[in-house]
C-alpha cells in the first residue's frame, strides 16, 4: 500500500472531509508539531489538512503548484472552516511564502 501517495490517502483511500487547515513552516520536529496541533484543535473540528501528511512527500508535486489557486493547498483551505497557524521555536511561519499565501 505504501508509495506513490500521501500518508492521509494511504490511511483513507476514499479521502475525508476537511474542516481544519493546518499551516506550519517545516522548521519544527514532528513531536512539536503534533503537540501544538492537539493542544489547539478547535472544538467541533472533525478532519484536518496538513501538507506534511496530506501531500505525497515522495513525489514531485511542483507542477501542482504552477497555479497556487488550483493547488491542493488552496482547495483544502477553501473547504475549511478553521485555519490553524502552528508556530515553532526556530522561525516564524510567516517567513515561509506558502504560510503567507495560505
Protein backbone atom coordinates (compact mmCIF):
# COMPACT_ATOMS: atom_id res chain seq x y z
CA UNK A 1 0.00 0.00 0.00
CA UNK A 2 2.86 2.40 0.63
CA UNK A 3 4.41 4.61 -2.02
CA UNK A 4 3.05 6.99 -4.60
CA UNK A 5 0.54 8.62 -2.27
CA UNK A 6 0.28 10.66 0.89
CA UNK A 7 0.01 9.16 4.34
CA UNK A 8 -3.55 10.51 4.59
CA UNK A 9 -4.66 8.78 1.38
CA UNK A 10 -2.84 5.60 2.33
CA UNK A 11 -4.88 5.53 5.55
CA UNK A 12 -8.15 6.75 3.95
CA UNK A 13 -8.12 5.99 0.19
CA UNK A 14 -11.58 7.49 -0.25
CA UNK A 15 -10.47 10.74 1.40
CA UNK A 16 -12.11 12.59 4.26
CA UNK A 17 -13.83 15.96 4.58
CA UNK A 18 -11.55 18.70 5.85
CA UNK A 19 -12.77 21.50 8.10
CA UNK A 20 -9.42 22.44 9.66
CA UNK A 21 -6.48 23.68 7.63
CA UNK A 22 -3.09 23.49 9.38
CA UNK A 23 -0.18 25.58 8.19
CA UNK A 24 3.36 25.23 9.53
CA UNK A 25 6.82 26.13 8.25
CA UNK A 26 8.63 22.77 8.33
CA UNK A 27 11.16 24.01 10.90
CA UNK A 28 9.73 22.05 13.82
CA UNK A 29 10.04 18.43 14.75
CA UNK A 30 7.05 16.14 14.44
CA UNK A 31 6.53 15.98 18.22
CA UNK A 32 6.41 19.77 18.49
CA UNK A 33 4.01 19.99 15.53
CA UNK A 34 1.62 17.30 16.80
CA UNK A 35 1.69 18.61 20.38
CA UNK A 36 0.73 22.11 19.26
CA UNK A 37 -1.96 20.87 16.87
CA UNK A 38 -3.58 18.68 19.54
CA UNK A 39 -3.40 21.49 22.11
CA UNK A 40 -5.04 23.99 19.73
CA UNK A 41 -7.54 21.72 17.93
CA UNK A 42 -10.80 23.69 17.57
CA UNK A 43 -13.82 22.24 19.34
CA UNK A 44 -16.03 20.65 16.72
CA UNK A 45 -13.35 20.21 14.05
CA UNK A 46 -13.53 16.74 12.50
CA UNK A 47 -10.86 16.44 9.80
CA UNK A 48 -7.66 18.32 9.07
CA UNK A 49 -5.46 19.05 6.08
CA UNK A 50 -1.78 19.34 6.93
CA UNK A 51 0.61 19.29 3.98
CA UNK A 52 3.16 17.04 5.68
CA UNK A 53 0.51 14.29 5.91
CA UNK A 54 -1.81 15.20 3.03
CA UNK A 55 0.64 15.69 0.16
CA UNK A 56 2.65 12.83 -1.36
CA UNK A 57 6.08 13.78 0.01
CA UNK A 58 7.88 11.22 -2.17
CA UNK A 59 6.55 12.64 -5.46
CA UNK A 60 7.49 15.77 -7.40
CA UNK A 61 4.43 17.95 -6.88
CA UNK A 62 5.97 21.05 -8.46
CA UNK A 63 3.52 21.01 -11.37
CA UNK A 64 0.60 21.09 -8.93
CA UNK A 65 1.82 24.44 -7.72
CA UNK A 66 2.02 26.24 -11.07
CA UNK A 67 -1.27 27.96 -10.26
CA UNK A 68 -1.47 28.29 -6.46
CA UNK A 69 -5.21 29.00 -6.58
CA UNK A 70 -5.76 25.50 -8.03
CA UNK A 71 -3.28 23.72 -5.77
CA UNK A 72 -4.28 21.09 -3.19
CA UNK A 73 -3.41 23.69 -0.54
CA UNK A 74 -5.93 26.21 -1.90
CA UNK A 75 -8.70 23.66 -2.39
CA UNK A 76 -8.33 22.41 1.18
CA UNK A 77 -8.18 25.95 2.53
CA UNK A 78 -11.40 26.92 0.73
CA UNK A 79 -13.15 23.85 2.19
CA UNK A 80 -12.03 24.60 5.75
CA UNK A 81 -13.91 26.37 8.50
CA UNK A 82 -10.82 26.89 10.65
CA UNK A 83 -7.19 27.84 9.97
CA UNK A 84 -4.55 26.81 12.50
CA UNK A 85 -1.16 28.52 12.17
CA UNK A 86 1.42 26.48 14.09
CA UNK A 87 4.39 28.48 15.38
CA UNK A 88 7.66 26.83 16.34
CA UNK A 89 10.84 27.56 18.26
CA UNK A 90 13.04 28.03 15.19
CA UNK A 91 11.30 30.56 12.93
CA UNK A 92 8.05 32.35 12.21
CA UNK A 93 5.59 30.55 9.94
CA UNK A 94 5.24 33.86 8.11
CA UNK A 95 8.86 33.58 6.96
CA UNK A 96 7.67 30.83 4.60
CA UNK A 97 5.88 32.10 1.49
CA UNK A 98 3.35 29.24 1.48
CA UNK A 99 2.27 30.06 5.03
CA UNK A 100 1.73 33.66 3.98
CA UNK A 101 -0.28 32.54 0.94
CA UNK A 102 -2.36 30.14 3.00
